Amino acid sequence: MKRHIAWLLAALLLAYLTGGAWAEAAQQDAPELDLAGGDLEDPALVEPWLGEWEGDGYTLYLRLDEDGIAGRLNHADSGYVWDFDHCWYDAAQNLLWCPNYERYRETIDWDTMELVQEDWSLGDMSFTCFAFGDDADTLVGSDIPYVDGAVTLRRVDDDAFSGQ
């Protein structure tokens, strides 16, 4: 019995060490993303992406926070929400990449008057990207998890958003 436990512990240790070596090799091959420096230090490059975007029943809010660019995509018909964080701007391709997301459905429980979030999913290896369309007022989102096809959004005028 002790021999079986020793073999099991040795196999687990070997699997752990092998997994760590694979993760380290993958990390060495991955491009470095400097969210605190580089493209985010130049507000002129990031500013055109920020703000509110609407279209196809979706609303996207993009903002700058301490971890880079964050976004929230809402689908009005289904109540689903995608929260993107650690997004980064790729100046060479003029794309906004959002590799991390949380997706959930938001509803209001009218009996308790509380916001209910259900049907959660998380992802840290999505390849969601946003690119400008024909002009700076059109944004096209592609590879959004659980969405078939691209989503085309138009910039919302700040005055219209603020009610002026």
C-alpha atoms as a PDB file:
ATOM      1  CA  MET A   1       0.000   0.000   0.000  1.00  0.00           C
ATOM      2  CA  LYS A   2       2.813   2.400   0.865  1.00  0.00           C
ATOM      3  CA  ARG A   3       4.469   1.635  -2.446  1.00  0.00           C
ATOM      4  CA  HIS A   4       1.280   2.597  -4.346  1.00  0.00           C
ATOM      5  CA  ILE A   5       1.028   5.876  -2.459  1.00  0.00           C
ATOM      6  CA  ALA A   6       4.704   6.619  -3.150  1.00  0.00           C
ATOM      7  CA  TRP A   7       4.183   5.916  -6.888  1.00  0.00           C
ATOM      8  CA  LEU A   8       1.096   8.112  -6.934  1.00  0.00           C
ATOM      9  CA  LEU A   9       2.913  10.982  -5.215  1.00  0.00           C
ATOM     10  CA  ALA A  10       5.867  10.608  -7.603  1.00  0.00           C
ATOM     11  CA  ALA A  11       3.506  10.689 -10.609  1.00  0.00           C
ATOM     12  CA  LEU A  12       1.750  13.783  -9.266  1.00  0.00           C
ATOM     13  CA  LEU A  13       5.086  15.521  -8.663  1.00  0.00           C
ATOM     14  CA  LEU A  14       6.250  14.647 -12.178  1.00  0.00           C
ATOM     15  CA  ALA A  15       2.992  15.953 -13.671  1.00  0.00           C
ATOM     16  CA  TYR A  16       3.313  19.163 -11.652  1.00  0.00           C
ATOM     17  CA  LEU A  17       6.918  19.753 -12.727  1.00  0.00           C
ATOM     18  CA  THR A  18       6.152  18.944 -16.374  1.00  0.00           C
ATOM     19  CA  GLY A  19       3.181  21.324 -16.363  1.00  0.00           C
ATOM     20  CA  GLY A  20       5.353  24.065 -14.886  1.00  0.00           C
ATOM     21  CA  ALA A  21       7.985  23.552 -17.567  1.00  0.00           C
ATOM     22  CA  TRP A  22       5.327  23.767 -20.306  1.00  0.00           C
ATOM     23  CA  ALA A  23       3.898  26.958 -18.774  1.00  0.00           C
ATOM     24  CA  GLU A  24       7.364  28.516 -18.530  1.00  0.00           C
ATOM     25  CA  ALA A  25       8.149  27.635 -22.158  1.00  0.00           C
ATOM     26  CA  ALA A  26       4.822  29.078 -23.319  1.00  0.00           C
ATOM     27  CA  GLN A  27       5.443  32.245 -21.326  1.00  0.00           C
ATOM     28  CA  GLN A  28       8.882  32.655 -22.926  1.00  0.00           C
ATOM     29  CA  ASP A  29       7.366  32.317 -26.426  1.00  0.00           C
ATOM     30  CA  ALA A  30       4.528  34.781 -25.718  1.00  0.00           C
ATOM     31  CA  PRO A  31       5.054  38.434 -26.633  1.00  0.00           C
ATOM     32  CA  GLU A  32       5.598  40.795 -23.745  1.00  0.00           C
ATOM     33  CA  LEU A  33       2.681  43.096 -23.063  1.00  0.00           C
ATOM     34  CA  ASP A  34       3.640  46.207 -21.165  1.00  0.00           C
ATOM     35  CA  LEU A  35       0.256  47.532 -20.078  1.00  0.00           C
ATOM     36  CA  ALA A  36       1.757  50.242 -17.905  1.00  0.00           C
ATOM     37  CA  GLY A  37       4.039  51.558 -20.618  1.00  0.00           C
ATOM     38  CA  GLY A  38       4.358  51.674 -24.357  1.00  0.00           C
ATOM     39  CA  ASP A  39       1.156  52.463 -26.170  1.00  0.00           C
ATOM     40  CA  LEU A  40      -0.843  53.351 -23.049  1.00  0.00           C
ATOM     41  CA  GLU A  41       1.525  56.166 -22.172  1.00  0.00           C
ATOM     42  CA  ASP A  42       0.447  58.040 -25.309  1.00  0.00           C
ATOM     43  CA  PRO A  43      -3.176  59.132 -24.696  1.00  0.00           C
ATOM     44  CA  ALA A  44      -3.553  60.199 -28.331  1.00  0.00           C
ATOM     45  CA  LEU A  45      -3.318  56.550 -29.433  1.00  0.00           C
ATOM     46  CA  VAL A  46      -5.786  55.202 -26.885  1.00  0.00           C
ATOM     47  CA  GLU A  47      -8.281  58.094 -26.730  1.00  0.00           C
ATOM     48  CA  PRO A  48     -10.157  57.249 -29.980  1.00  0.00           C
ATOM     49  CA  TRP A  49     -11.167  53.864 -28.560  1.00  0.00           C
ATOM     50  CA  LEU A  50     -12.605  55.131 -25.277  1.00  0.00           C
ATOM     51  CA  GLY A  51     -16.255  55.997 -24.761  1.00  0.00           C
ATOM     52  CA  GLU A  52     -19.625  54.486 -25.591  1.00  0.00           C
ATOM     53  CA  TRP A  53     -20.438  52.510 -28.729  1.00  0.00           C
ATOM     54  CA  GLU A  54     -23.844  51.110 -29.808  1.00  0.00           C
ATOM     55  CA  GLY A  55     -25.262  48.929 -32.562  1.00  0.00           C
ATOM     56  CA  ASP A  56     -26.936  45.599 -33.403  1.00  0.00           C
ATOM     57  CA  GLY A  57     -28.580  45.535 -29.961  1.00  0.00           C
ATOM     58  CA  TYR A  58     -25.193  45.842 -28.215  1.00  0.00           C
ATOM     59  CA  THR A  59     -23.675  48.633 -26.150  1.00  0.00           C
ATOM     60  CA  LEU A  60     -19.934  48.780 -25.481  1.00  0.00           C
ATOM     61  CA  TYR A  61     -18.253  51.031 -22.905  1.00  0.00           C
ATOM     62  CA  LEU A  62     -14.470  51.316 -23.112  1.00  0.00           C
ATOM     63  CA  ARG A  63     -12.455  53.072 -20.396  1.00  0.00           C
ATOM     64  CA  LEU A  64      -8.906  53.338 -19.146  1.00  0.00           C
ATOM     65  CA  ASP A  65      -8.161  51.893 -15.701  1.00  0.00           C
ATOM     66  CA  GLU A  66      -5.090  50.953 -13.676  1.00  0.00           C
ATOM     67  CA  ASP A  67      -4.697  47.596 -15.475  1.00  0.00           C
ATOM     68  CA  GLY A  68      -4.994  48.916 -19.033  1.00  0.00           C
ATOM     69  CA  ILE A  69      -8.156  49.289 -21.052  1.00  0.00           C
ATOM     70  CA  ALA A  70     -11.381  47.768 -19.718  1.00  0.00           C
ATOM     71  CA  GLY A  71     -14.668  47.286 -21.497  1.00  0.00           C
ATOM     72  CA  ARG A  72     -18.234  46.223 -20.842  1.00  0.00           C
ATOM     73  CA  LEU A  73     -20.396  44.860 -23.647  1.00  0.00           C
ATOM     74  CA  ASN A  74     -24.154  44.524 -23.046  1.00  0.00           C
ATOM     75  CA  HIS A  75     -26.689  42.741 -25.228  1.00  0.00           C
ATOM     76  CA  ALA A  76     -30.089  44.350 -24.726  1.00  0.00           C
ATOM     77  CA  ASP A  77     -32.232  41.457 -26.006  1.00  0.00           C
ATOM     78  CA  SER A  78     -30.693  38.632 -23.967  1.00  0.00           C
ATOM     79  CA  GLY A  79     -29.379  40.489 -20.913  1.00  0.00           C
ATOM     80  CA  TYR A  80     -25.909  39.012 -21.394  1.00  0.00           C
ATOM     81  CA  VAL A  81     -22.888  41.052 -20.327  1.00  0.00           C
ATOM     82  CA  TRP A  82     -19.213  40.651 -21.226  1.00  0.00           C
ATOM     83  CA  ASP A  83     -16.687  42.362 -18.941  1.00  0.00           C
ATOM     84  CA  PHE A  84     -13.303  42.662 -20.645  1.00  0.00           C
ATOM     85  CA  ASP A  85     -10.205  43.585 -18.662  1.00  0.00           C
ATOM     86  CA  HIS A  86      -6.488  43.886 -19.367  1.00  0.00           C
ATOM     87  CA  CYS A  87      -7.190  44.901 -22.966  1.00  0.00           C
ATOM     88  CA  TRP A  88      -4.233  46.274 -24.873  1.00  0.00           C
ATOM     89  CA  TYR A  89      -3.789  48.375 -27.952  1.00  0.00           C
ATOM     90  CA  ASP A  90      -1.654  46.975 -30.772  1.00  0.00           C
ATOM     91  CA  ALA A  91      -0.347  50.038 -32.620  1.00  0.00           C
ATOM     92  CA  ALA A  92       1.228  47.990 -35.420  1.00  0.00           C
ATOM     93  CA  GLN A  93      -2.137  46.486 -36.432  1.00  0.00           C
ATOM     94  CA  ASN A  94      -4.350  49.292 -35.038  1.00  0.00           C
ATOM     95  CA  LEU A  95      -6.374  46.746 -33.034  1.00  0.00           C
ATOM     96  CA  LEU A  96      -7.672  46.610 -29.494  1.00  0.00           C
ATOM     97  CA  TRP A  97      -7.179  43.093 -28.084  1.00  0.00           C
ATOM     98  CA  CYS A  98      -9.298  41.863 -25.162  1.00  0.00           C
ATOM     99  CA  PRO A  99      -8.013  38.431 -24.089  1.00  0.00           C
ATOM    100  CA  ASN A 100      -9.756  38.216 -20.681  1.00  0.00           C
ATOM    101  CA  TYR A 101     -13.507  38.226 -20.138  1.00  0.00           C
ATOM    102  CA  GLU A 102     -16.321  37.366 -17.779  1.00  0.00           C
ATOM    103  CA  ARG A 103     -19.704  36.614 -19.313  1.00  0.00           C
ATOM    104  CA  TYR A 104     -22.959  36.436 -17.390  1.00  0.00           C
ATOM    105  CA  ARG A 105     -26.646  37.150 -17.716  1.00  0.00           C
ATOM    106  CA  GLU A 106     -28.038  40.093 -15.757  1.00  0.00           C
ATOM    107  CA  THR A 107     -31.700  40.283 -14.815  1.00  0.00           C
ATOM    108  CA  ILE A 108     -33.763  42.094 -12.219  1.00  0.00           C
ATOM    109  CA  ASP A 109     -35.664  40.056  -9.656  1.00  0.00           C
ATOM    110  CA  TRP A 110     -38.787  42.202  -9.413  1.00  0.00           C
ATOM    111  CA  ASP A 111     -39.899  40.557  -6.149  1.00  0.00           C
ATOM    112  CA  THR A 112     -36.748  41.574  -4.268  1.00  0.00           C
ATOM    113  CA  MET A 113     -35.727  44.464  -6.577  1.00  0.00           C
ATOM    114  CA  GLU A 114     -32.212  43.039  -6.806  1.00  0.00           C
ATOM    115  CA  LEU A 115     -29.880  42.623  -9.748  1.00  0.00           C
ATOM    116  CA  VAL A 116     -29.287  38.908 -10.375  1.00  0.00           C
ATOM    117  CA  GLN A 117     -26.270  37.599 -12.258  1.00  0.00           C
ATOM    118  CA  GLU A 118     -26.377  34.017 -13.521  1.00  0.00           C
ATOM    119  CA  ASP A 119     -24.946  31.712 -16.193  1.00  0.00           C
ATOM    120  CA  TRP A 120     -21.310  32.704 -15.542  1.00  0.00           C
ATOM    121  CA  SER A 121     -18.382  31.863 -17.751  1.00  0.00           C
ATOM    122  CA  LEU A 122     -14.784  33.058 -17.611  1.00  0.00           C
ATOM    123  CA  GLY A 123     -12.086  33.110 -20.226  1.00  0.00           C
ATOM    124  CA  ASP A 124      -8.487  34.214 -20.268  1.00  0.00           C
ATOM    125  CA  MET A 125      -7.504  33.101 -23.743  1.00  0.00           C
ATOM    126  CA  SER A 126     -10.147  34.637 -25.970  1.00  0.00           C
ATOM    127  CA  PHE A 127      -9.046  36.455 -29.070  1.00  0.00           C
ATOM    128  CA  THR A 128     -11.696  39.162 -29.060  1.00  0.00           C
ATOM    129  CA  CYS A 129     -10.535  42.195 -30.950  1.00  0.00           C
ATOM    130  CA  PHE A 130     -11.986  45.530 -31.922  1.00  0.00           C
ATOM    131  CA  ALA A 131     -10.980  47.436 -35.029  1.00  0.00           C
ATOM    132  CA  PHE A 132     -12.124  50.670 -36.609  1.00  0.00           C
ATOM    133  CA  GLY A 133     -14.377  50.291 -39.625  1.00  0.00           C
ATOM    134  CA  ASP A 134     -14.441  52.725 -42.534  1.00  0.00           C
ATOM    135  CA  ASP A 135     -14.173  55.717 -40.211  1.00  0.00           C
ATOM    136  CA  ALA A 136     -13.282  56.530 -36.611  1.00  0.00           C
ATOM    137  CA  ASP A 137     -16.974  56.458 -35.638  1.00  0.00           C
ATOM    138  CA  THR A 138     -17.430  52.760 -36.527  1.00  0.00           C
ATOM    139  CA  LEU A 139     -16.018  49.961 -34.391  1.00  0.00           C
ATOM    140  CA  VAL A 140     -16.178  46.289 -35.398  1.00  0.00           C
ATOM    141  CA  GLY A 141     -15.874  43.593 -32.738  1.00  0.00           C
ATOM    142  CA  SER A 142     -14.903  40.101 -33.823  1.00  0.00           C
ATOM    143  CA  ASP A 143     -14.409  36.738 -32.116  1.00  0.00           C
ATOM    144  CA  ILE A 144     -16.603  37.740 -29.176  1.00  0.00           C
ATOM    145  CA  PRO A 145     -17.284  34.567 -27.155  1.00  0.00           C
ATOM    146  CA  TYR A 146     -20.788  33.140 -27.747  1.00  0.00           C
ATOM    147  CA  VAL A 147     -21.559  35.658 -30.532  1.00  0.00           C
ATOM    148  CA  ASP A 148     -21.850  34.471 -34.120  1.00  0.00           C
ATOM    149  CA  GLY A 149     -20.187  36.861 -36.533  1.00  0.00           C
ATOM    150  CA  ALA A 150     -18.920  40.375 -36.106  1.00  0.00           C
ATOM    151  CA  VAL A 151     -20.679  43.158 -34.205  1.00  0.00           C
ATOM    152  CA  THR A 152     -20.681  46.630 -35.765  1.00  0.00           C
ATOM    153  CA  LEU A 153     -20.945  49.555 -33.359  1.00  0.00           C
ATOM    154  CA  ARG A 154     -21.223  53.315 -33.857  1.00  0.00           C
ATOM    155  CA  ARG A 155     -19.815  55.926 -31.495  1.00  0.00           C
ATOM    156  CA  VAL A 156     -22.384  57.569 -29.226  1.00  0.00           C
ATOM    157  CA  ASP A 157     -22.075  61.337 -29.072  1.00  0.00           C
ATOM    158  CA  ASP A 158     -21.071  62.488 -25.577  1.00  0.00           C
ATOM    159  CA  ASP A 159     -23.857  65.076 -25.580  1.00  0.00           C
ATOM    160  CA  ALA A 160     -26.468  62.437 -26.416  1.00  0.00           C
ATOM    161  CA  PHE A 161     -25.131  60.182 -23.663  1.00  0.00           C
ATOM    162  CA  SER A 162     -25.218  62.911 -21.028  1.00  0.00           C
ATOM    163  CA  GLY A 163     -28.750  63.945 -21.986  1.00  0.00           C
ATOM    164  CA  GLN A 164     -27.839  67.424 -23.269  1.00  0.00           C
END
